[in-house]
């Protein structure tokens, strides 16, 4: 392994949090603030323990982490998978033949 490792970012922390079923937006925010506490572009918001503001080139944007983990997880609705796997088009049906059980969620 080289001595230069790619620096970890917010998206990498979010992806990591999504791998653990007990992760919450609170634990994600805590880890993010711990990892980037000295970053000049990141600020905690005044009235929330989980929201944060990033100073982008065009201005500041505040993000609410409430649904970050849920939206980042890559789920496929079971009904959609069943519909596409029964397609008459071999290409489409071939894409949906065997999906891992953990990636399918019923609606």
PDB file of N, CA and C in Angstrom:
ATOM      1  N   UNK A   1       0.843  -1.174   0.000  1.00  0.00           N
ATOM      2  CA  UNK A   1       0.000   0.000   0.000  1.00  0.00           C
ATOM      3  C   UNK A   1       0.890   1.239   0.000  1.00  0.00           C
ATOM      4  N   UNK A   2       0.555   2.225  -0.783  1.00  0.00           N
ATOM      5  CA  UNK A   2       1.362   3.429  -0.875  1.00  0.00           C
ATOM      6  C   UNK A   2       1.161   4.294   0.363  1.00  0.00           C
ATOM      7  N   UNK A   3       2.115   5.173   0.589  1.00  0.00           N
ATOM      8  CA  UNK A   3       2.026   6.051   1.757  1.00  0.00           C
ATOM      9  C   UNK A   3       0.975   7.142   1.560  1.00  0.00           C
ATOM     10  N   UNK A   4       0.577   7.385   0.316  1.00  0.00           N
ATOM     11  CA  UNK A   4      -0.450   8.385   0.039  1.00  0.00           C
ATOM     12  C   UNK A   4      -1.802   7.698  -0.083  1.00  0.00           C
ATOM     13  N   UNK A   5      -2.615   7.834   0.944  1.00  0.00           N
ATOM     14  CA  UNK A   5      -3.957   7.279   0.890  1.00  0.00           C
ATOM     15  C   UNK A   5      -4.921   8.367   0.475  1.00  0.00           C
ATOM     16  N   UNK A   6      -5.954   7.958  -0.249  1.00  0.00           N
ATOM     17  CA  UNK A   6      -6.978   8.907  -0.659  1.00  0.00           C
ATOM     18  C   UNK A   6      -7.675   9.424   0.595  1.00  0.00           C
ATOM     19  N   UNK A   7      -7.808  10.738   0.734  1.00  0.00           N
ATOM     20  CA  UNK A   7      -8.464  11.261   1.921  1.00  0.00           C
ATOM     21  C   UNK A   7      -9.936  10.853   1.962  1.00  0.00           C
ATOM     22  N   UNK A   8     -10.432  10.564   3.148  1.00  0.00           N
ATOM     23  CA  UNK A   8     -11.824  10.160   3.296  1.00  0.00           C
ATOM     24  C   UNK A   8     -12.697  11.410   3.227  1.00  0.00           C
ATOM     25  N   UNK A   9     -13.849  11.274   2.600  1.00  0.00           N
ATOM     26  CA  UNK A   9     -14.767  12.397   2.455  1.00  0.00           C
ATOM     27  C   UNK A   9     -16.121  12.078   3.071  1.00  0.00           C
ATOM     28  N   UNK A  10     -17.038  13.020   2.962  1.00  0.00           N
ATOM     29  CA  UNK A  10     -18.374  12.865   3.535  1.00  0.00           C
ATOM     30  C   UNK A  10     -19.105  11.699   2.882  1.00  0.00           C
ATOM     31  N   UNK A  11     -18.993  11.565   1.566  1.00  0.00           N
ATOM     32  CA  UNK A  11     -19.693  10.485   0.861  1.00  0.00           C
ATOM     33  C   UNK A  11     -19.147   9.129   1.289  1.00  0.00           C
ATOM     34  N   UNK A  12     -17.842   9.014   1.467  1.00  0.00           N
ATOM     35  CA  UNK A  12     -17.258   7.755   1.931  1.00  0.00           C
ATOM     36  C   UNK A  12     -17.755   7.415   3.334  1.00  0.00           C
ATOM     37  N   UNK A  13     -17.869   8.421   4.200  1.00  0.00           N
ATOM     38  CA  UNK A  13     -18.407   8.180   5.548  1.00  0.00           C
ATOM     39  C   UNK A  13     -19.872   7.750   5.477  1.00  0.00           C
ATOM     40  N   UNK A  14     -20.626   8.344   4.572  1.00  0.00           N
ATOM     41  CA  UNK A  14     -22.028   7.985   4.400  1.00  0.00           C
ATOM     42  C   UNK A  14     -22.158   6.552   3.891  1.00  0.00           C
ATOM     43  N   UNK A  15     -21.356   6.192   2.907  1.00  0.00           N
ATOM     44  CA  UNK A  15     -21.376   4.820   2.392  1.00  0.00           C
ATOM     45  C   UNK A  15     -21.013   3.824   3.492  1.00  0.00           C
ATOM     46  N   UNK A  16     -20.024   4.172   4.291  1.00  0.00           N
ATOM     47  CA  UNK A  16     -19.620   3.311   5.399  1.00  0.00           C
ATOM     48  C   UNK A  16     -20.756   3.157   6.413  1.00  0.00           C
ATOM     49  N   UNK A  17     -21.422   4.252   6.739  1.00  0.00           N
ATOM     50  CA  UNK A  17     -22.530   4.199   7.697  1.00  0.00           C
ATOM     51  C   UNK A  17     -23.666   3.323   7.178  1.00  0.00           C
ATOM     52  N   UNK A  18     -23.885   3.316   5.874  1.00  0.00           N
ATOM     53  CA  UNK A  18     -24.963   2.513   5.285  1.00  0.00           C
ATOM     54  C   UNK A  18     -24.682   1.020   5.362  1.00  0.00           C
ATOM     55  N   UNK A  19     -23.444   0.642   5.567  1.00  0.00           N
ATOM     56  CA  UNK A  19     -23.098  -0.770   5.675  1.00  0.00           C
ATOM     57  C   UNK A  19     -23.465  -1.352   7.038  1.00  0.00           C
ATOM     58  N   UNK A  20     -23.692  -0.501   8.022  1.00  0.00           N
ATOM     59  CA  UNK A  20     -23.984  -0.967   9.365  1.00  0.00           C
ATOM     60  C   UNK A  20     -25.451  -0.721   9.694  1.00  0.00           C
ATOM     61  N   UNK A  21     -26.201  -1.786   9.953  1.00  0.00           N
ATOM     62  CA  UNK A  21     -27.644  -1.647  10.178  1.00  0.00           C
ATOM     63  C   UNK A  21     -28.019  -0.755  11.364  1.00  0.00           C
ATOM     64  N   UNK A  22     -27.152  -0.650  12.354  1.00  0.00           N
ATOM     65  CA  UNK A  22     -27.486   0.156  13.534  1.00  0.00           C
ATOM     66  C   UNK A  22     -27.113   1.624  13.390  1.00  0.00           C
ATOM     67  N   UNK A  23     -26.543   1.999  12.252  1.00  0.00           N
ATOM     68  CA  UNK A  23     -26.188   3.402  12.030  1.00  0.00           C
ATOM     69  C   UNK A  23     -27.448   4.255  11.943  1.00  0.00           C
ATOM     70  N   UNK A  24     -27.338   5.464  12.455  1.00  0.00           N
ATOM     71  CA  UNK A  24     -28.433   6.433  12.370  1.00  0.00           C
ATOM     72  C   UNK A  24     -27.864   7.726  11.812  1.00  0.00           C
ATOM     73  N   UNK A  25     -28.742   8.661  11.489  1.00  0.00           N
ATOM     74  CA  UNK A  25     -28.226   9.940  11.011  1.00  0.00           C
ATOM     75  C   UNK A  25     -27.446  10.648  12.112  1.00  0.00           C
ATOM     76  N   UNK A  26     -27.790  10.361  13.371  1.00  0.00           N
ATOM     77  CA  UNK A  26     -27.037  10.955  14.484  1.00  0.00           C
ATOM     78  C   UNK A  26     -25.615  10.402  14.558  1.00  0.00           C
ATOM     79  N   UNK A  27     -25.473   9.075  14.415  1.00  0.00           N
ATOM     80  CA  UNK A  27     -24.127   8.496  14.478  1.00  0.00           C
ATOM     81  C   UNK A  27     -23.295   8.917  13.270  1.00  0.00           C
ATOM     82  N   UNK A  28     -23.961   9.040  12.108  1.00  0.00           N
ATOM     83  CA  UNK A  28     -23.261   9.528  10.914  1.00  0.00           C
ATOM     84  C   UNK A  28     -22.759  10.956  11.132  1.00  0.00           C
ATOM     85  N   UNK A  29     -23.632  11.828  11.628  1.00  0.00           N
ATOM     86  CA  UNK A  29     -23.252  13.230  11.855  1.00  0.00           C
ATOM     87  C   UNK A  29     -22.129  13.334  12.875  1.00  0.00           C
ATOM     88  N   UNK A  30     -22.212  12.561  13.937  1.00  0.00           N
ATOM     89  CA  UNK A  30     -21.168  12.583  14.970  1.00  0.00           C
ATOM     90  C   UNK A  30     -19.818  12.194  14.373  1.00  0.00           C
ATOM     91  N   UNK A  31     -19.814  11.126  13.577  1.00  0.00           N
ATOM     92  CA  UNK A  31     -18.565  10.680  12.961  1.00  0.00           C
ATOM     93  C   UNK A  31     -18.032  11.712  11.971  1.00  0.00           C
ATOM     94  N   UNK A  32     -18.948  12.335  11.219  1.00  0.00           N
ATOM     95  CA  UNK A  32     -18.535  13.351  10.255  1.00  0.00           C
ATOM     96  C   UNK A  32     -17.903  14.544  10.977  1.00  0.00           C
ATOM     97  N   UNK A  33     -18.571  15.026  12.036  1.00  0.00           N
ATOM     98  CA  UNK A  33     -18.024  16.167  12.775  1.00  0.00           C
ATOM     99  C   UNK A  33     -16.689  15.811  13.436  1.00  0.00           C
ATOM    100  N   UNK A  34     -16.546  14.578  13.897  1.00  0.00           N
ATOM    101  CA  UNK A  34     -15.292  14.148  14.517  1.00  0.00           C
ATOM    102  C   UNK A  34     -14.172  14.123  13.481  1.00  0.00           C
ATOM    103  N   UNK A  35     -14.470  13.603  12.274  1.00  0.00           N
ATOM    104  CA  UNK A  35     -13.447  13.484  11.234  1.00  0.00           C
ATOM    105  C   UNK A  35     -13.071  14.811  10.590  1.00  0.00           C
ATOM    106  N   UNK A  36     -14.016  15.738  10.528  1.00  0.00           N
ATOM    107  CA  UNK A  36     -13.779  16.992   9.816  1.00  0.00           C
ATOM    108  C   UNK A  36     -13.886  18.218  10.720  1.00  0.00           C
ATOM    109  N   UNK A  37     -13.656  18.058  12.008  1.00  0.00           N
ATOM    110  CA  UNK A  37     -13.836  19.162  12.964  1.00  0.00           C
ATOM    111  C   UNK A  37     -12.999  20.397  12.627  1.00  0.00           C
ATOM    112  N   UNK A  38     -11.859  20.199  12.010  1.00  0.00           N
ATOM    113  CA  UNK A  38     -11.002  21.347  11.708  1.00  0.00           C
ATOM    114  C   UNK A  38     -11.092  21.791  10.248  1.00  0.00           C
ATOM    115  N   UNK A  39     -12.013  21.201   9.485  1.00  0.00           N
ATOM    116  CA  UNK A  39     -12.118  21.573   8.074  1.00  0.00           C
ATOM    117  C   UNK A  39     -12.737  22.969   7.956  1.00  0.00           C
ATOM    118  N   UNK A  40     -12.086  23.878   7.213  1.00  0.00           N
ATOM    119  CA  UNK A  40     -12.561  25.266   7.148  1.00  0.00           C
ATOM    120  C   UNK A  40     -13.898  25.462   6.422  1.00  0.00           C
ATOM    121  N   UNK A  41     -14.323  24.511   5.611  1.00  0.00           N
ATOM    122  CA  UNK A  41     -15.570  24.671   4.856  1.00  0.00           C
ATOM    123  C   UNK A  41     -16.782  24.030   5.525  1.00  0.00           C
ATOM    124  N   UNK A  42     -16.575  23.307   6.620  1.00  0.00           N
ATOM    125  CA  UNK A  42     -17.668  22.622   7.293  1.00  0.00           C
ATOM    126  C   UNK A  42     -17.986  23.311   8.620  1.00  0.00           C
ATOM    127  N   UNK A  43     -19.278  23.559   8.858  1.00  0.00           N
ATOM    128  CA  UNK A  43     -19.711  24.141  10.128  1.00  0.00           C
ATOM    129  C   UNK A  43     -20.915  23.375  10.643  1.00  0.00           C
ATOM    130  N   UNK A  44     -20.983  23.257  11.958  1.00  0.00           N
ATOM    131  CA  UNK A  44     -22.193  22.728  12.583  1.00  0.00           C
ATOM    132  C   UNK A  44     -23.209  23.864  12.615  1.00  0.00           C
ATOM    133  N   UNK A  45     -24.487  23.506  12.443  1.00  0.00           N
ATOM    134  CA  UNK A  45     -25.507  24.540  12.546  1.00  0.00           C
ATOM    135  C   UNK A  45     -25.787  24.825  14.013  1.00  0.00           C
ATOM    136  N   UNK A  46     -26.342  25.984  14.300  1.00  0.00           N
ATOM    137  CA  UNK A  46     -26.530  26.414  15.686  1.00  0.00           C
ATOM    138  C   UNK A  46     -27.601  25.643  16.440  1.00  0.00           C
ATOM    139  N   UNK A  47     -28.687  25.259  15.763  1.00  0.00           N
ATOM    140  CA  UNK A  47     -29.825  24.708  16.476  1.00  0.00           C
ATOM    141  C   UNK A  47     -30.051  23.221  16.222  1.00  0.00           C
ATOM    142  N   UNK A  48     -29.059  22.529  15.682  1.00  0.00           N
ATOM    143  CA  UNK A  48     -29.198  21.106  15.408  1.00  0.00           C
ATOM    144  C   UNK A  48     -27.875  20.406  15.670  1.00  0.00           C
ATOM    145  N   UNK A  49     -27.967  19.189  16.193  1.00  0.00           N
ATOM    146  CA  UNK A  49     -26.763  18.390  16.427  1.00  0.00           C
ATOM    147  C   UNK A  49     -26.370  17.589  15.183  1.00  0.00           C
ATOM    148  N   UNK A  50     -27.261  17.522  14.191  1.00  0.00           N
ATOM    149  CA  UNK A  50     -26.996  16.664  13.030  1.00  0.00           C
ATOM    150  C   UNK A  50     -26.942  17.409  11.698  1.00  0.00           C
ATOM    151  N   UNK A  51     -27.412  18.644  11.646  1.00  0.00           N
ATOM    152  CA  UNK A  51     -27.349  19.421  10.407  1.00  0.00           C
ATOM    153  C   UNK A  51     -25.963  20.060  10.284  1.00  0.00           C
ATOM    154  N   UNK A  52     -25.562  20.317   9.048  1.00  0.00           N
ATOM    155  CA  UNK A  52     -24.266  20.943   8.833  1.00  0.00           C
ATOM    156  C   UNK A  52     -24.342  21.878   7.639  1.00  0.00           C
ATOM    157  N   UNK A  53     -23.390  22.802   7.586  1.00  0.00           N
ATOM    158  CA  UNK A  53     -23.309  23.758   6.495  1.00  0.00           C
ATOM    159  C   UNK A  53     -21.952  23.602   5.824  1.00  0.00           C
ATOM    160  N   UNK A  54     -21.968  23.599   4.505  1.00  0.00           N
ATOM    161  CA  UNK A  54     -20.725  23.562   3.730  1.00  0.00           C
ATOM    162  C   UNK A  54     -20.624  24.861   2.954  1.00  0.00           C
ATOM    163  N   UNK A  55     -19.463  25.472   3.006  1.00  0.00           N
ATOM    164  CA  UNK A  55     -19.199  26.680   2.226  1.00  0.00           C
ATOM    165  C   UNK A  55     -18.719  26.251   0.847  1.00  0.00           C
ATOM    166  N   UNK A  56     -19.619  26.262  -0.116  1.00  0.00           N
ATOM    167  CA  UNK A  56     -19.284  25.937  -1.507  1.00  0.00           C
ATOM    168  C   UNK A  56     -18.752  27.207  -2.169  1.00  0.00           C
ATOM    169  N   UNK A  57     -18.243  27.072  -3.372  1.00  0.00           N
ATOM    170  CA  UNK A  57     -17.691  28.239  -4.071  1.00  0.00           C
ATOM    171  C   UNK A  57     -18.745  29.306  -4.300  1.00  0.00           C
ATOM    172  N   UNK A  58     -20.017  28.907  -4.463  1.00  0.00           N
ATOM    173  CA  UNK A  58     -21.081  29.878  -4.754  1.00  0.00           C
ATOM    174  C   UNK A  58     -21.826  30.333  -3.497  1.00  0.00           C
ATOM    175  N   UNK A  59     -21.452  29.814  -2.355  1.00  0.00           N
ATOM    176  CA  UNK A  59     -22.115  30.214  -1.117  1.00  0.00           C
ATOM    177  C   UNK A  59     -22.300  29.043  -0.177  1.00  0.00           C
ATOM    178  N   UNK A  60     -22.908  29.334   0.954  1.00  0.00           N
ATOM    179  CA  UNK A  60     -23.110  28.316   1.978  1.00  0.00           C
ATOM    180  C   UNK A  60     -24.412  27.563   1.737  1.00  0.00           C
ATOM    181  N   UNK A  61     -24.361  26.241   1.973  1.00  0.00           N
ATOM    182  CA  UNK A  61     -25.543  25.391   1.851  1.00  0.00           C
ATOM    183  C   UNK A  61     -25.645  24.570   3.130  1.00  0.00           C
ATOM    184  N   UNK A  62     -26.850  24.560   3.728  1.00  0.00           N
ATOM    185  CA  UNK A  62     -27.090  23.773   4.934  1.00  0.00           C
ATOM    186  C   UNK A  62     -27.778  22.472   4.543  1.00  0.00           C
ATOM    187  N   UNK A  63     -27.282  21.381   5.100  1.00  0.00           N
ATOM    188  CA  UNK A  63     -27.810  20.049   4.817  1.00  0.00           C
ATOM    189  C   UNK A  63     -28.414  19.459   6.083  1.00  0.00           C
ATOM    190  N   UNK A  64     -29.538  18.776   5.941  1.00  0.00           N
ATOM    191  CA  UNK A  64     -30.173  18.069   7.046  1.00  0.00           C
ATOM    192  C   UNK A  64     -29.932  16.583   6.840  1.00  0.00           C
ATOM    193  N   UNK A  65     -29.350  15.923   7.819  1.00  0.00           N
ATOM    194  CA  UNK A  65     -28.949  14.524   7.656  1.00  0.00           C
ATOM    195  C   UNK A  65     -30.067  13.522   7.942  1.00  0.00           C
ATOM    196  N   UNK A  66     -31.255  13.996   8.300  1.00  0.00           N
ATOM    197  CA  UNK A  66     -32.351  13.113   8.719  1.00  0.00           C
ATOM    198  C   UNK A  66     -32.575  11.909   7.810  1.00  0.00           C
ATOM    199  N   UNK A  67     -32.508  12.096   6.500  1.00  0.00           N
ATOM    200  CA  UNK A  67     -32.794  10.982   5.589  1.00  0.00           C
ATOM    201  C   UNK A  67     -31.587  10.592   4.730  1.00  0.00           C
ATOM    202  N   UNK A  68     -30.397  11.022   5.116  1.00  0.00           N
ATOM    203  CA  UNK A  68     -29.194  10.714   4.337  1.00  0.00           C
ATOM    204  C   UNK A  68     -28.990   9.205   4.177  1.00  0.00           C
ATOM    205  N   UNK A  69     -29.038   8.449   5.271  1.00  0.00           N
ATOM    206  CA  UNK A  69     -28.764   7.017   5.196  1.00  0.00           C
ATOM    207  C   UNK A  69     -29.816   6.302   4.373  1.00  0.00           C
ATOM    208  N   UNK A  70     -31.069   6.599   4.623  1.00  0.00           N
ATOM    209  CA  UNK A  70     -32.161   5.952   3.897  1.00  0.00           C
ATOM    210  C   UNK A  70     -32.057   6.206   2.402  1.00  0.00           C
ATOM    211  N   UNK A  71     -31.773   7.426   2.024  1.00  0.00           N
ATOM    212  CA  UNK A  71     -31.694   7.765   0.600  1.00  0.00           C
ATOM    213  C   UNK A  71     -30.428   7.233  -0.057  1.00  0.00           C
ATOM    214  N   UNK A  72     -29.390   6.996   0.718  1.00  0.00           N
ATOM    215  CA  UNK A  72     -28.137   6.513   0.154  1.00  0.00           C
ATOM    216  C   UNK A  72     -28.129   4.993  -0.040  1.00  0.00           C
ATOM    217  N   UNK A  73     -28.961   4.286   0.711  1.00  0.00           N
ATOM    218  CA  UNK A  73     -29.002   2.828   0.564  1.00  0.00           C
ATOM    219  C   UNK A  73     -29.632   2.489  -0.780  1.00  0.00           C
ATOM    220  N   UNK A  74     -29.068   1.502  -1.448  1.00  0.00           N
ATOM    221  CA  UNK A  74     -29.492   1.157  -2.791  1.00  0.00           C
ATOM    222  C   UNK A  74     -30.479  -0.009  -2.743  1.00  0.00           C
ATOM    223  N   UNK A  75     -31.724   0.299  -2.533  1.00  0.00           N
ATOM    224  CA  UNK A  75     -32.743  -0.734  -2.470  1.00  0.00           C
ATOM    225  C   UNK A  75     -33.485  -0.827  -3.793  1.00  0.00           C
ATOM    226  N   UNK A  76     -33.961  -2.015  -4.084  1.00  0.00           N
ATOM    227  CA  UNK A  76     -34.809  -2.243  -5.240  1.00  0.00           C
ATOM    228  C   UNK A  76     -36.125  -2.780  -4.704  1.00  0.00           C
ATOM    229  N   UNK A  77     -37.223  -2.181  -5.111  1.00  0.00           N
ATOM    230  CA  UNK A  77     -38.531  -2.624  -4.660  1.00  0.00           C
ATOM    231  C   UNK A  77     -38.822  -3.988  -5.288  1.00  0.00           C
ATOM    232  N   UNK A  78     -39.256  -4.966  -4.479  1.00  0.00           N
ATOM    233  CA  UNK A  78     -39.468  -6.337  -4.939  1.00  0.00           C
ATOM    234  C   UNK A  78     -40.446  -6.402  -6.112  1.00  0.00           C
ATOM    235  N   UNK A  79     -41.512  -5.608  -6.064  1.00  0.00           N
ATOM    236  CA  UNK A  79     -42.489  -5.628  -7.156  1.00  0.00           C
ATOM    237  C   UNK A  79     -41.874  -5.172  -8.470  1.00  0.00           C
ATOM    238  N   UNK A  80     -41.006  -4.183  -8.406  1.00  0.00           N
ATOM    239  CA  UNK A  80     -40.334  -3.706  -9.616  1.00  0.00           C
ATOM    240  C   UNK A  80     -39.410  -4.788 -10.168  1.00  0.00           C
ATOM    241  N   UNK A  81     -38.701  -5.448  -9.276  1.00  0.00           N
ATOM    242  CA  UNK A  81     -37.794  -6.515  -9.681  1.00  0.00           C
ATOM    243  C   UNK A  81     -38.574  -7.651 -10.341  1.00  0.00           C
ATOM    244  N   UNK A  82     -39.693  -8.043  -9.750  1.00  0.00           N
ATOM    245  CA  UNK A  82     -40.521  -9.113 -10.319  1.00  0.00           C
ATOM    246  C   UNK A  82     -41.052  -8.726 -11.693  1.00  0.00           C
ATOM    247  N   UNK A  83     -41.512  -7.500 -11.822  1.00  0.00           N
ATOM    248  CA  UNK A  83     -42.037  -7.024 -13.100  1.00  0.00           C
ATOM    249  C   UNK A  83     -40.959  -7.057 -14.180  1.00  0.00           C
ATOM    250  N   UNK A  84     -39.790  -6.523 -13.875  1.00  0.00           N
ATOM    251  CA  UNK A  84     -38.720  -6.465 -14.871  1.00  0.00           C
ATOM    252  C   UNK A  84     -38.160  -7.845 -15.198  1.00  0.00           C
ATOM    253  N   UNK A  85     -38.118  -8.746 -14.223  1.00  0.00           N
ATOM    254  CA  UNK A  85     -37.601 -10.089 -14.500  1.00  0.00           C
ATOM    255  C   UNK A  85     -38.560 -10.888 -15.375  1.00  0.00           C
ATOM    256  N   UNK A  86     -39.836 -10.496 -15.417  1.00  0.00           N
ATOM    257  CA  UNK A  86     -40.803 -11.198 -16.270  1.00  0.00           C
ATOM    258  C   UNK A  86     -40.953 -10.538 -17.643  1.00  0.00           C
ATOM    259  N   UNK A  87     -40.090  -9.605 -17.968  1.00  0.00           N
ATOM    260  CA  UNK A  87     -40.145  -8.915 -19.257  1.00  0.00           C
ATOM    261  C   UNK A  87     -39.961  -9.896 -20.412  1.00  0.00           C
ATOM    262  N   UNK A  88     -40.629  -9.606 -21.520  1.00  0.00           N
ATOM    263  CA  UNK A  88     -40.466 -10.433 -22.725  1.00  0.00           C
ATOM    264  C   UNK A  88     -39.141 -10.134 -23.427  1.00  0.00           C
ATOM    265  N   UNK A  89     -38.533  -9.019 -23.072  1.00  0.00           N
ATOM    266  CA  UNK A  89     -37.235  -8.661 -23.656  1.00  0.00           C
ATOM    267  C   UNK A  89     -36.145  -9.417 -22.886  1.00  0.00           C
ATOM    268  N   UNK A  90     -35.429 -10.325 -23.550  1.00  0.00           N
ATOM    269  CA  UNK A  90     -34.410 -11.124 -22.856  1.00  0.00           C
ATOM    270  C   UNK A  90     -33.337 -10.279 -22.170  1.00  0.00           C
ATOM    271  N   UNK A  91     -32.998  -9.157 -22.771  1.00  0.00           N
ATOM    272  CA  UNK A  91     -31.977  -8.298 -22.163  1.00  0.00           C
ATOM    273  C   UNK A  91     -32.453  -7.780 -20.809  1.00  0.00           C
ATOM    274  N   UNK A  92     -33.681  -7.249 -20.765  1.00  0.00           N
ATOM    275  CA  UNK A  92     -34.225  -6.689 -19.525  1.00  0.00           C
ATOM    276  C   UNK A  92     -34.420  -7.783 -18.488  1.00  0.00           C
ATOM    277  N   UNK A  93     -35.045  -8.892 -18.861  1.00  0.00           N
ATOM    278  CA  UNK A  93     -35.291  -9.960 -17.890  1.00  0.00           C
ATOM    279  C   UNK A  93     -33.984 -10.552 -17.387  1.00  0.00           C
ATOM    280  N   UNK A  94     -32.957 -10.568 -18.221  1.00  0.00           N
ATOM    281  CA  UNK A  94     -31.651 -11.081 -17.810  1.00  0.00           C
ATOM    282  C   UNK A  94     -30.959 -10.212 -16.769  1.00  0.00           C
ATOM    283  N   UNK A  95     -31.293  -8.947 -16.735  1.00  0.00           N
ATOM    284  CA  UNK A  95     -30.685  -8.045 -15.751  1.00  0.00           C
ATOM    285  C   UNK A  95     -31.216  -8.280 -14.341  1.00  0.00           C
ATOM    286  N   UNK A  96     -32.400  -8.910 -14.238  1.00  0.00           N
ATOM    287  CA  UNK A  96     -33.058  -9.034 -12.946  1.00  0.00           C
ATOM    288  C   UNK A  96     -33.299 -10.477 -12.533  1.00  0.00           C
ATOM    289  N   UNK A  97     -32.434 -11.373 -12.951  1.00  0.00           N
ATOM    290  CA  UNK A  97     -32.646 -12.782 -12.626  1.00  0.00           C
ATOM    291  C   UNK A  97     -32.239 -13.147 -11.212  1.00  0.00           C
ATOM    292  N   UNK A  98     -31.104 -12.688 -10.751  1.00  0.00           N
ATOM    293  CA  UNK A  98     -30.667 -13.072  -9.408  1.00  0.00           C
ATOM    294  C   UNK A  98     -30.090 -11.878  -8.675  1.00  0.00           C
ATOM    295  N   UNK A  99     -30.909 -11.269  -7.840  1.00  0.00           N
ATOM    296  CA  UNK A  99     -30.463 -10.141  -7.035  1.00  0.00           C
ATOM    297  C   UNK A  99     -30.277 -10.606  -5.605  1.00  0.00           C
ATOM    298  N   UNK A 100     -29.256 -10.098  -4.922  1.00  0.00           N
ATOM    299  CA  UNK A 100     -29.068 -10.466  -3.518  1.00  0.00           C
ATOM    300  C   UNK A 100     -30.295 -10.067  -2.693  1.00  0.00           C
ATOM    301  N   UNK A 101     -30.672 -10.906  -1.761  1.00  0.00           N
ATOM    302  CA  UNK A 101     -31.873 -10.692  -0.950  1.00  0.00           C
ATOM    303  C   UNK A 101     -31.824  -9.382  -0.172  1.00  0.00           C
ATOM    304  N   UNK A 102     -30.630  -8.980   0.297  1.00  0.00           N
ATOM    305  CA  UNK A 102     -30.544  -7.757   1.098  1.00  0.00           C
ATOM    306  C   UNK A 102     -30.739  -6.495   0.295  1.00  0.00           C
ATOM    307  N   UNK A 103     -30.690  -6.579  -1.043  1.00  0.00           N
ATOM    308  CA  UNK A 103     -30.867  -5.377  -1.861  1.00  0.00           C
ATOM    309  C   UNK A 103     -32.323  -5.187  -2.275  1.00  0.00           C
ATOM    310  N   UNK A 104     -33.210  -6.105  -1.869  1.00  0.00           N
ATOM    311  CA  UNK A 104     -34.617  -6.018  -2.259  1.00  0.00           C
ATOM    312  C   UNK A 104     -35.447  -5.607  -1.041  1.00  0.00           C
ATOM    313  N   UNK A 105     -36.331  -4.631  -1.252  1.00  0.00           N
ATOM    314  CA  UNK A 105     -37.193  -4.169  -0.176  1.00  0.00           C
ATOM    315  C   UNK A 105     -38.624  -4.133  -0.698  1.00  0.00           C
ATOM    316  N   UNK A 106     -39.547  -4.692   0.063  1.00  0.00           N
ATOM    317  CA  UNK A 106     -40.963  -4.603  -0.323  1.00  0.00           C
ATOM    318  C   UNK A 106     -41.453  -3.223   0.017  1.00  0.00           C
ATOM    319  N   UNK A 107     -42.389  -2.732  -0.799  1.00  0.00           N
ATOM    320  CA  UNK A 107     -42.933  -1.403  -0.527  1.00  0.00           C
ATOM    321  C   UNK A 107     -44.169  -1.483   0.320  1.00  0.00           C
TER     322      UNK A 107
END
